[in-house]
Amino acid sequence: MSTVLNFPPCCTGGGSVSSSFRKVNSVSSLWMNPKAIPKVLRLSKNDNFNVYRLAPSFCSCKYQKISMALVDEKPVRKGNVVSTNSSFLAYDLIQGELVRWSSAMDRPLPDPPTAVFLHGILGSRKNWGTFTQRLAREFPTWQFLLVDLRCHGNSAAMKKRGPHTVASAALDVLKLVRELRITPRVLVGHSFGGKVVLSMVDQAAKPLARPVKVWSLDATPGKIRAGGDGEDHPAELISFLSTLPNEVSSKRDVVKALIQQGFSNDVAQWVVTNLQPTSTFGSQSSSFSWTFDLKGISEMYQSYEETNLWKIVEDVPRGVHVNFLKAERSLHRWALEDLQRIHAAEELAAEEGGGVEMHVLEDAGHWVHADNPDGLFRILSSSFRELRSKLANA
């Protein structure tokens, strides 16, 4: 078990720090209150966030994120090939300024409530960076866990055993939460991530910490319907990207190719954020490679289309509140039967002690956190205010 910390360039300089610690004792439940965590050091506070790391190196920059990966490697030999099957996810942990830690006890005091944010297909944890920093300012006693799902972002650097499905992606996040020994109170997933958070509820070995709020943003629990003209077509996008070389010389050429293929400029500009420089230091030539595992992502999207999680919505566990958010301009994703079924589940959940609720985000397409971040912030904030009150009175 190792923890790898990758620090972005600070101020005008850059650097990285690595540290490792022994694997914590296994626990029977994937959801639990924190009992022990790796020892952390607090940085000097120059902003509204507390950021922690496992090595005593300090920076004078105003804000710094910690990027981490949990790794559990199991070498497997097949013939003359040694494969490594890893259980890991890269993540950022953003903490509000009132999250307090005791270095003597090696744990936070009090246990900070945590919100987990998951991206969609071809996205990364960076999609949620600005939004969760804003939440940390508004709710300074909370911490926010941003995850790169398998085959995406920094998590794609280590190959994971298939199948690459909604369920396996959810199990990855459950394992990460277990290793960090944190208590999720809010689960937020966009698009593919929306089904992942529902699958997390389905797979949790024991009841979740109660109460817990689950948000599926512009994703239905069941059948996925392709967009109309000019709308989002992930399957077609993945298929086209598979025809491109693994290494390209220009982001501009990729954008141009995508637009010529019929994708919007916004989608094209977003896709190339998954390109990283491959040139060595001092090289005159420049090139870029994809950060994701496109073959694995293709499997994940197929699973997204096929996975049916209506059972969680229509038999929601007590103390769990499932929220669906429909983007106003993403009507192609929501059939009348979807809306009717969710509204019926609302009434049933209310009778059974659970919760299901439908929300509409005005003036937004599928990319809800980019199209209308203010509206999304207002809607999601209700969960944190509600839980803040309940936890304070617990």
Foldseek 3Di string as FASTA:
>chain_A
DFKAKAWAAADPGHDGDGDGDDFDDADDFLAAAAQAAQQWDWADAQDFWIEIDDDPDYGPHHDIWIKIKDWDWDWDDDPPDIATAIQMWIKTKIAGNPFAPDNVSRATVVAAEEEEEEEAQLAFLVLCVVLVVVVCDVVRSHMYIGIGFDQGFQNVVHDHDDDLALLVSLVSVSNVCSRRNHAYQEYEYAASGLLSQLSNCVPTPDHHPFQHEYEYEAAFQAAFFADDQQADDVLVVLVVVVPDDQKAQDLVVQLVVCVVVRHDSVVSVNNCVQWDWDDDPPDPGIMTGGRGDSVSSNSHVVNSRHGHSVVCLQCPDARYAYEYEHEPAAVRGDDPVRVVSQVVSQVVQVVVRYHYYYHYQYQDYSSCCPRCVPSVCVVVVVSVVVVVVVVVVD
